[in-house]
Amino acid sequence: MLESLKQEVYEANLLLPKYGIVTFTWGNVSGIDRERGIFAIKPSGVPYETLRPEDIVLVDLETGKVVEGELNPSSDTPTHRVLYEEFPTLGAVVHTHSPWAVSFAEAGLPIEAMGTTHADSFYGDVPVTDALTREEIESAYEENTGKVIVRTFSKLGLDPDAVPAVLVRQHGPFTWGPTPKKAVENAKVLDVVAEMNYHALQLTRADCRVPQYLLDKHYYRKHGAHAYYGQAQR
């Protein structure tokens, strides 16, 4: 099972450059085996073109220690670990520095639900966190990055399954999903809607948020008990 998880995480990491949402090695994907309490994650700083399935590192969720792998895990591993611990439905986590999403993170702006493309994947605005304090950065930076994400969702009363993305202020996006592949898809969609929002905001200063009933229609036609988008219902 863990070899299968490593393969799945390896393949998902290769989707990051394929989808054009990473530059150099600025991104990582992890996936978790909840039953075993182990998650698999990309090794730190390894180029995607030389990455191999056997390079994927296995980490113990409870202790945060490497249980298999010759390479150092991603420097973002403590962030992934916090998200897995605090959001128990997550099956995978993705971090990128995709430029459109990062632009909103650096501006300290949420990615608002302005249209149906957004509503198909995110049930409401994608939030932006508070900036980490100097103490949080200098003590346990990556762990505190996870904590500020969790704190943001708690403060806003957001369901991480309904809004599977966040912007860490002055840093960039994290997304997640039930599988590594789906978490990467959410990362790509997030960057696309960020670009769309950017251009919309250049064209008008009007309130562009999608009305609640249209948000409901597009989100729930793809998610939930009565979803009818696609072929799975036949």
Protein backbone atom coordinates (compact mmCIF):
# COMPACT_ATOMS: atom_id res chain seq x y z
CA MET A 1 0.00 0.00 0.00
CA LEU A 2 2.75 2.48 0.85
CA GLU A 3 4.54 1.80 -2.45
CA SER A 4 1.27 2.58 -4.18
CA LEU A 5 0.98 5.82 -2.19
CA LYS A 6 4.53 6.82 -3.13
CA GLN A 7 3.76 6.19 -6.80
CA GLU A 8 0.57 8.24 -6.59
CA VAL A 9 2.37 11.14 -4.91
CA TYR A 10 5.23 10.91 -7.43
CA GLU A 11 2.81 11.13 -10.35
CA ALA A 12 0.94 14.03 -8.77
CA ASN A 13 4.18 15.97 -8.28
CA LEU A 14 4.92 15.61 -11.99
CA LEU A 15 1.59 17.27 -12.75
CA LEU A 16 2.81 20.53 -11.19
CA PRO A 17 5.21 21.43 -14.03
CA LYS A 18 2.86 19.85 -16.57
CA TYR A 19 0.09 22.23 -15.49
CA GLY A 20 2.49 25.18 -15.41
CA ILE A 21 2.01 26.02 -11.73
CA VAL A 22 5.59 25.62 -10.51
CA THR A 23 8.91 27.20 -11.44
CA PHE A 24 12.15 25.30 -10.72
CA THR A 25 11.41 23.26 -7.56
CA TRP A 26 8.94 25.70 -5.99
CA GLY A 27 6.21 23.25 -5.06
CA ASN A 28 5.37 19.93 -3.49
CA VAL A 29 2.61 17.35 -3.18
CA SER A 30 1.93 14.96 -0.33
CA GLY A 31 -0.60 12.20 0.22
CA ILE A 32 -1.58 10.32 3.36
CA ASP A 33 -2.42 6.77 4.41
CA ARG A 34 -4.73 7.52 7.34
CA GLU A 35 -4.93 3.91 8.50
CA ARG A 36 -1.16 3.67 8.93
CA GLY A 37 -0.65 7.28 10.01
CA ILE A 38 1.99 7.81 7.31
CA PHE A 39 2.19 10.49 4.66
CA ALA A 40 4.36 10.58 1.55
CA ILE A 41 5.91 13.82 0.32
CA LYS A 42 8.33 15.14 -2.30
CA PRO A 43 11.97 15.43 -1.21
CA SER A 44 13.32 18.94 -0.75
CA GLY A 45 14.86 20.72 -3.74
CA VAL A 46 14.82 17.77 -6.15
CA PRO A 47 14.08 18.83 -9.76
CA TYR A 48 10.93 17.28 -11.20
CA GLU A 49 12.78 16.02 -14.26
CA THR A 50 15.05 13.84 -12.10
CA LEU A 51 12.48 12.84 -9.46
CA ARG A 52 11.88 9.08 -9.09
CA PRO A 53 9.12 7.21 -7.21
CA GLU A 54 11.72 5.81 -4.81
CA ASP A 55 12.75 9.38 -3.91
CA ILE A 56 9.38 10.08 -2.29
CA VAL A 57 9.83 10.31 1.49
CA LEU A 58 7.54 8.66 4.05
CA VAL A 59 6.85 10.59 7.26
CA ASP A 60 5.15 9.49 10.47
CA LEU A 61 2.12 11.71 11.12
CA GLU A 62 2.33 11.47 14.90
CA THR A 63 6.03 12.22 15.34
CA GLY A 64 6.90 14.07 12.13
CA LYS A 65 9.93 11.82 11.70
CA VAL A 66 11.05 10.22 8.44
CA VAL A 67 10.28 6.50 8.42
CA GLU A 68 11.53 5.76 4.90
CA GLY A 69 13.67 7.63 2.41
CA GLU A 70 17.28 8.60 1.83
CA LEU A 71 16.55 12.25 1.02
CA ASN A 72 15.34 15.09 3.19
CA PRO A 73 11.58 15.65 2.88
CA SER A 74 10.21 18.97 1.66
CA SER A 75 10.92 21.90 3.94
CA ASP A 76 7.14 22.40 4.00
CA THR A 77 6.61 19.00 5.65
CA PRO A 78 5.62 20.50 9.05
CA THR A 79 2.91 22.55 7.32
CA HIS A 80 1.50 19.47 5.62
CA ARG A 81 1.60 17.60 8.91
CA VAL A 82 -0.40 20.29 10.76
CA LEU A 83 -3.04 20.30 8.02
CA TYR A 84 -3.39 16.50 8.14
CA GLU A 85 -3.68 16.58 11.92
CA GLU A 86 -6.21 19.42 12.10
CA PHE A 87 -8.26 18.65 8.97
CA PRO A 88 -8.90 14.89 9.29
CA THR A 89 -10.75 14.51 5.97
CA LEU A 90 -7.74 15.58 3.87
CA GLY A 91 -6.17 12.93 1.68
CA ALA A 92 -3.52 15.11 0.04
CA VAL A 93 -1.93 18.56 0.28
CA VAL A 94 -0.27 20.74 -2.39
CA HIS A 95 1.85 23.86 -2.08
CA THR A 96 2.96 25.95 -5.04
CA HIS A 97 4.17 29.45 -5.81
CA SER A 98 1.88 29.77 -8.82
CA PRO A 99 2.10 33.43 -9.88
CA TRP A 100 -1.53 34.53 -9.99
CA ALA A 101 -2.42 33.03 -6.63
CA VAL A 102 0.80 34.38 -5.11
CA SER A 103 -0.12 37.86 -6.38
CA PHE A 104 -3.26 37.80 -4.25
CA ALA A 105 -1.36 36.35 -1.28
CA GLU A 106 1.23 39.12 -1.49
CA ALA A 107 -1.47 41.77 -1.76
CA GLY A 108 -3.24 40.24 1.24
CA LEU A 109 -6.46 39.78 -0.72
CA PRO A 110 -8.80 36.77 -0.78
CA ILE A 111 -9.73 35.26 -4.12
CA GLU A 112 -13.42 36.14 -4.22
CA ALA A 113 -16.05 33.91 -5.78
CA MET A 114 -16.71 36.04 -8.84
CA GLY A 115 -17.99 33.47 -11.29
CA THR A 116 -19.01 29.94 -12.07
CA THR A 117 -15.46 28.71 -12.74
CA HIS A 118 -14.66 29.48 -9.12
CA ALA A 119 -17.98 28.11 -7.85
CA ASP A 120 -17.40 24.75 -9.53
CA SER A 121 -14.54 24.04 -7.10
CA PHE A 122 -14.69 26.43 -4.14
CA TYR A 123 -17.84 27.13 -2.14
CA GLY A 124 -17.11 30.77 -1.43
CA ASP A 125 -14.09 33.04 -1.27
CA VAL A 126 -10.65 31.48 -0.89
CA PRO A 127 -9.36 33.21 2.26
CA VAL A 128 -6.04 34.84 2.92
CA THR A 129 -4.42 34.32 6.33
CA ASP A 130 -3.01 36.87 8.69
CA ALA A 131 0.70 37.51 8.29
CA LEU A 132 2.88 35.42 10.56
CA THR A 133 4.48 37.35 13.38
CA ARG A 134 8.23 37.68 13.74
CA GLU A 135 8.14 35.24 16.64
CA GLU A 136 6.15 32.69 14.59
CA ILE A 137 8.62 32.97 11.73
CA GLU A 138 11.75 32.72 13.88
CA SER A 139 10.56 29.86 16.11
CA ALA A 140 8.84 27.15 14.05
CA TYR A 141 8.11 28.82 10.72
CA GLU A 142 6.71 25.92 8.70
CA GLU A 143 4.68 24.51 11.59
CA ASN A 144 3.27 27.96 12.32
CA THR A 145 2.36 28.32 8.65
CA GLY A 146 0.06 25.32 9.10
CA LYS A 147 -1.31 26.76 12.32
CA VAL A 148 -2.19 30.12 10.77
CA ILE A 149 -4.10 28.28 8.03
CA VAL A 150 -6.06 26.30 10.60
CA ARG A 151 -6.67 29.45 12.65
CA THR A 152 -8.01 31.26 9.57
CA PHE A 153 -10.52 28.51 8.77
CA SER A 154 -11.63 28.38 12.40
CA LYS A 155 -12.04 32.16 12.65
CA LEU A 156 -14.08 32.33 9.44
CA GLY A 157 -16.08 29.18 10.15
CA LEU A 158 -15.02 27.58 6.87
CA ASP A 159 -15.31 23.92 5.92
CA PRO A 160 -11.96 22.79 4.42
CA ASP A 161 -13.78 20.26 2.25
CA ALA A 162 -15.97 22.97 0.71
CA VAL A 163 -13.12 25.48 0.32
CA PRO A 164 -10.07 23.29 -0.37
CA ALA A 165 -7.60 26.15 -0.67
CA VAL A 166 -6.03 29.03 1.20
CA LEU A 167 -3.57 31.84 0.59
CA VAL A 168 -0.86 32.30 3.19
CA ARG A 169 -0.24 36.04 3.32
CA GLN A 170 3.11 37.14 1.83
CA HIS A 171 3.78 33.52 0.83
CA GLY A 172 1.43 31.61 -1.45
CA PRO A 173 -1.30 29.02 -1.91
CA PHE A 174 -1.93 25.68 -0.29
CA THR A 175 -4.63 23.41 -1.66
CA TRP A 176 -5.85 19.96 -0.74
CA GLY A 177 -8.27 17.23 -1.69
CA PRO A 178 -9.20 13.57 -1.25
CA THR A 179 -6.36 12.41 -3.53
CA PRO A 180 -3.02 13.87 -4.66
CA LYS A 181 -4.30 14.28 -8.21
CA LYS A 182 -7.42 16.14 -7.08
CA ALA A 183 -5.38 18.39 -4.79
CA VAL A 184 -3.18 19.33 -7.77
CA GLU A 185 -6.26 20.00 -9.88
CA ASN A 186 -7.49 22.36 -7.16
CA ALA A 187 -4.13 24.15 -7.25
CA LYS A 188 -4.44 24.66 -11.00
CA VAL A 189 -8.05 25.85 -10.77
CA LEU A 190 -7.07 28.26 -8.01
CA ASP A 191 -4.41 29.89 -10.17
CA VAL A 192 -6.77 30.12 -13.14
CA VAL A 193 -9.50 31.84 -11.14
CA ALA A 194 -6.93 34.15 -9.55
CA GLU A 195 -5.90 35.25 -13.04
CA MET A 196 -9.54 35.72 -14.03
CA ASN A 197 -10.20 37.80 -10.93
CA TYR A 198 -7.15 39.94 -11.57
CA HIS A 199 -8.35 40.83 -15.06
CA ALA A 200 -11.92 41.40 -13.87
CA LEU A 201 -10.66 43.82 -11.24
CA GLN A 202 -8.77 45.77 -13.92
CA LEU A 203 -11.99 46.20 -15.88
CA THR A 204 -14.34 47.34 -13.13
CA ARG A 205 -14.56 48.43 -9.51
CA ALA A 206 -18.07 47.05 -9.19
CA ASP A 207 -18.87 44.21 -6.81
CA CYS A 208 -18.20 41.14 -8.95
CA ARG A 209 -19.10 38.46 -6.42
CA VAL A 210 -21.33 35.70 -7.74
CA PRO A 211 -24.83 35.66 -6.16
CA GLN A 212 -25.39 32.95 -3.55
CA TYR A 213 -27.94 31.07 -5.64
CA LEU A 214 -25.52 30.77 -8.57
CA LEU A 215 -22.72 29.72 -6.23
CA ASP A 216 -25.03 27.05 -4.80
CA LYS A 217 -26.06 25.84 -8.25
CA HIS A 218 -22.54 25.39 -9.59
CA TYR A 219 -20.95 24.01 -6.44
CA TYR A 220 -23.67 21.49 -5.66
CA ARG A 221 -24.13 20.28 -9.22
CA LYS A 222 -20.57 18.89 -8.93
CA HIS A 223 -20.46 18.08 -5.21
CA GLY A 224 -22.86 16.51 -2.74
CA ALA A 225 -25.70 14.02 -2.68
CA HIS A 226 -27.55 15.34 -5.74
CA ALA A 227 -24.58 16.19 -7.97
CA TYR A 228 -25.27 15.57 -11.65
CA TYR A 229 -22.19 16.94 -13.45
CA GLY A 230 -20.19 14.33 -15.36
CA GLN A 231 -20.77 10.61 -15.85
CA ALA A 232 -20.49 9.19 -12.33
CA GLN A 233 -24.24 9.33 -11.70
CA ARG A 234 -25.20 6.93 -14.51
